[in-house]
Amino acid sequence: QGITAWRRHQPVFGKPDFVFPKLKVAVFVDGCFWHGCPLHATKPRNHAAFWRRKLAANKARDRQVSRVLRKSGWRVLRVWEHELARKRAARLAAKLRAALEG
């Protein structure tokens, strides 16, 4: 009996990329640019004020979604886009395993 992940279109607040409903684990894959990765985020020069507000709002929304899900009894795992690289597969697998095992 394996662990089944449901894909994105499940009715879970914040639209996680992967949902493990029996374990109440929600996994988000956050893009480095859109979610402000400390290693890879860039700051566009054109329309700088717009992008500053937009990216700050994205981060605030991420915090809010995680907070609401945790208050509802979910475990939330956020994975950076760069963590999906093949060279980081073992580290990511360990992170996922730890989240799923609780």
C-alpha atoms as a PDB file:
ATOM      1  CA  GLN A   1       0.000   0.000   0.000  1.00  0.00           C
ATOM      2  CA  GLY A   2       1.806   3.108  -1.257  1.00  0.00           C
ATOM      3  CA  ILE A   3       1.266   6.769  -0.634  1.00  0.00           C
ATOM      4  CA  THR A   4      -0.905   8.406  -3.254  1.00  0.00           C
ATOM      5  CA  ALA A   5      -0.384  12.003  -4.236  1.00  0.00           C
ATOM      6  CA  TRP A   6      -3.185  13.959  -5.820  1.00  0.00           C
ATOM      7  CA  ARG A   7      -2.319  16.537  -8.381  1.00  0.00           C
ATOM      8  CA  ARG A   8      -3.098  20.209  -8.361  1.00  0.00           C
ATOM      9  CA  HIS A   9      -6.870  20.307  -8.949  1.00  0.00           C
ATOM     10  CA  GLN A  10      -7.930  19.193  -5.515  1.00  0.00           C
ATOM     11  CA  PRO A  11     -10.047  21.454  -3.312  1.00  0.00           C
ATOM     12  CA  VAL A  12      -7.276  22.463  -0.917  1.00  0.00           C
ATOM     13  CA  PHE A  13      -6.760  26.085   0.070  1.00  0.00           C
ATOM     14  CA  GLY A  14      -3.873  27.773  -1.729  1.00  0.00           C
ATOM     15  CA  LYS A  15      -3.833  25.288  -4.630  1.00  0.00           C
ATOM     16  CA  PRO A  16      -0.818  23.161  -3.635  1.00  0.00           C
ATOM     17  CA  ASP A  17       1.048  21.481  -6.483  1.00  0.00           C
ATOM     18  CA  PHE A  18       0.759  18.102  -4.767  1.00  0.00           C
ATOM     19  CA  VAL A  19      -1.592  16.953  -2.037  1.00  0.00           C
ATOM     20  CA  PHE A  20      -1.340  13.856   0.138  1.00  0.00           C
ATOM     21  CA  PRO A  21      -4.846  13.963   1.635  1.00  0.00           C
ATOM     22  CA  LYS A  22      -4.605  10.949   3.943  1.00  0.00           C
ATOM     23  CA  LEU A  23      -1.449  12.395   5.489  1.00  0.00           C
ATOM     24  CA  LYS A  24      -2.674  15.995   5.267  1.00  0.00           C
ATOM     25  CA  VAL A  25       0.518  17.119   3.526  1.00  0.00           C
ATOM     26  CA  ALA A  26       0.460  19.934   0.966  1.00  0.00           C
ATOM     27  CA  VAL A  27       3.499  20.448  -1.272  1.00  0.00           C
ATOM     28  CA  PHE A  28       4.146  23.698  -3.123  1.00  0.00           C
ATOM     29  CA  VAL A  29       6.847  24.069  -5.777  1.00  0.00           C
ATOM     30  CA  ASP A  30       7.781  27.743  -5.682  1.00  0.00           C
ATOM     31  CA  GLY A  31       9.424  29.353  -8.694  1.00  0.00           C
ATOM     32  CA  CYS A  32      12.640  31.124  -7.784  1.00  0.00           C
ATOM     33  CA  PHE A  33      11.657  34.395  -9.469  1.00  0.00           C
ATOM     34  CA  TRP A  34       7.968  34.518  -8.520  1.00  0.00           C
ATOM     35  CA  HIS A  35       8.397  33.577  -4.882  1.00  0.00           C
ATOM     36  CA  GLY A  36      11.663  35.353  -4.038  1.00  0.00           C
ATOM     37  CA  CYS A  37      14.243  32.582  -3.711  1.00  0.00           C
ATOM     38  CA  PRO A  38      17.138  33.901  -1.608  1.00  0.00           C
ATOM     39  CA  LEU A  39      19.621  32.241  -3.993  1.00  0.00           C
ATOM     40  CA  HIS A  40      18.163  32.984  -7.429  1.00  0.00           C
ATOM     41  CA  ALA A  41      15.578  35.766  -7.261  1.00  0.00           C
ATOM     42  CA  THR A  42      16.278  38.700  -9.526  1.00  0.00           C
ATOM     43  CA  LYS A  43      14.991  42.255  -9.344  1.00  0.00           C
ATOM     44  CA  PRO A  44      13.777  43.542 -12.703  1.00  0.00           C
ATOM     45  CA  ARG A  45      14.973  47.041 -13.555  1.00  0.00           C
ATOM     46  CA  ASN A  46      12.025  47.931 -15.772  1.00  0.00           C
ATOM     47  CA  HIS A  47       8.899  48.837 -13.814  1.00  0.00           C
ATOM     48  CA  ALA A  48      10.830  48.207 -10.593  1.00  0.00           C
ATOM     49  CA  ALA A  49       8.112  49.539  -8.271  1.00  0.00           C
ATOM     50  CA  PHE A  50       5.480  47.294  -9.876  1.00  0.00           C
ATOM     51  CA  TRP A  51       7.670  44.208  -9.532  1.00  0.00           C
ATOM     52  CA  ARG A  52       8.652  45.038  -5.978  1.00  0.00           C
ATOM     53  CA  ARG A  53       4.955  45.207  -4.988  1.00  0.00           C
ATOM     54  CA  LYS A  54       4.014  42.134  -7.029  1.00  0.00           C
ATOM     55  CA  LEU A  55       6.777  39.913  -5.627  1.00  0.00           C
ATOM     56  CA  ALA A  56       6.191  41.155  -2.063  1.00  0.00           C
ATOM     57  CA  ALA A  57       2.496  40.287  -2.457  1.00  0.00           C
ATOM     58  CA  ASN A  58       3.422  36.804  -3.675  1.00  0.00           C
ATOM     59  CA  LYS A  59       5.572  36.209  -0.588  1.00  0.00           C
ATOM     60  CA  ALA A  60       2.846  37.546   1.711  1.00  0.00           C
ATOM     61  CA  ARG A  61       0.293  35.253   0.064  1.00  0.00           C
ATOM     62  CA  ASP A  62       2.639  32.265   0.478  1.00  0.00           C
ATOM     63  CA  ARG A  63       2.947  32.992   4.212  1.00  0.00           C
ATOM     64  CA  GLN A  64      -0.826  33.386   4.550  1.00  0.00           C
ATOM     65  CA  VAL A  65      -1.564  30.127   2.702  1.00  0.00           C
ATOM     66  CA  SER A  66       0.955  28.197   4.804  1.00  0.00           C
ATOM     67  CA  ARG A  67      -0.458  29.706   8.013  1.00  0.00           C
ATOM     68  CA  VAL A  68      -4.067  28.834   7.136  1.00  0.00           C
ATOM     69  CA  LEU A  69      -3.206  25.283   6.119  1.00  0.00           C
ATOM     70  CA  ARG A  70      -1.149  24.673   9.270  1.00  0.00           C
ATOM     71  CA  LYS A  71      -3.991  25.978  11.444  1.00  0.00           C
ATOM     72  CA  SER A  72      -6.243  23.473   9.648  1.00  0.00           C
ATOM     73  CA  GLY A  73      -3.934  20.612  10.581  1.00  0.00           C
ATOM     74  CA  TRP A  74      -1.972  20.328   7.344  1.00  0.00           C
ATOM     75  CA  ARG A  75       1.773  19.935   7.078  1.00  0.00           C
ATOM     76  CA  VAL A  76       3.112  22.316   4.441  1.00  0.00           C
ATOM     77  CA  LEU A  77       6.251  21.683   2.440  1.00  0.00           C
ATOM     78  CA  ARG A  78       7.622  24.380   0.165  1.00  0.00           C
ATOM     79  CA  VAL A  79      10.184  23.330  -2.423  1.00  0.00           C
ATOM     80  CA  TRP A  80      12.176  25.814  -4.477  1.00  0.00           C
ATOM     81  CA  GLU A  81      12.224  25.389  -8.236  1.00  0.00           C
ATOM     82  CA  HIS A  82      16.018  24.936  -8.146  1.00  0.00           C
ATOM     83  CA  GLU A  83      15.630  21.976  -5.772  1.00  0.00           C
ATOM     84  CA  LEU A  84      14.114  19.996  -8.666  1.00  0.00           C
ATOM     85  CA  ALA A  85      17.499  19.784 -10.403  1.00  0.00           C
ATOM     86  CA  ARG A  86      18.693  16.218 -10.932  1.00  0.00           C
ATOM     87  CA  LYS A  87      21.869  16.858  -8.926  1.00  0.00           C
ATOM     88  CA  ARG A  88      19.686  17.681  -5.901  1.00  0.00           C
ATOM     89  CA  ALA A  89      17.387  14.648  -6.249  1.00  0.00           C
ATOM     90  CA  ALA A  90      18.666  12.784  -3.176  1.00  0.00           C
ATOM     91  CA  ARG A  91      18.341  15.838  -0.940  1.00  0.00           C
ATOM     92  CA  LEU A  92      14.831  16.572  -2.242  1.00  0.00           C
ATOM     93  CA  ALA A  93      13.776  12.938  -1.774  1.00  0.00           C
ATOM     94  CA  ALA A  94      14.940  13.092   1.861  1.00  0.00           C
ATOM     95  CA  LYS A  95      13.025  16.349   2.392  1.00  0.00           C
ATOM     96  CA  LEU A  96       9.847  14.825   0.939  1.00  0.00           C
ATOM     97  CA  ARG A  97      10.260  11.618   2.928  1.00  0.00           C
ATOM     98  CA  ALA A  98      10.667  13.594   6.170  1.00  0.00           C
ATOM     99  CA  ALA A  99       7.536  15.639   5.428  1.00  0.00           C
ATOM    100  CA  LEU A 100       5.493  12.566   4.578  1.00  0.00           C
ATOM    101  CA  GLU A 101       6.637  10.619   7.609  1.00  0.00           C
ATOM    102  CA  GLY A 102       5.882  13.548   9.874  1.00  0.00           C
END
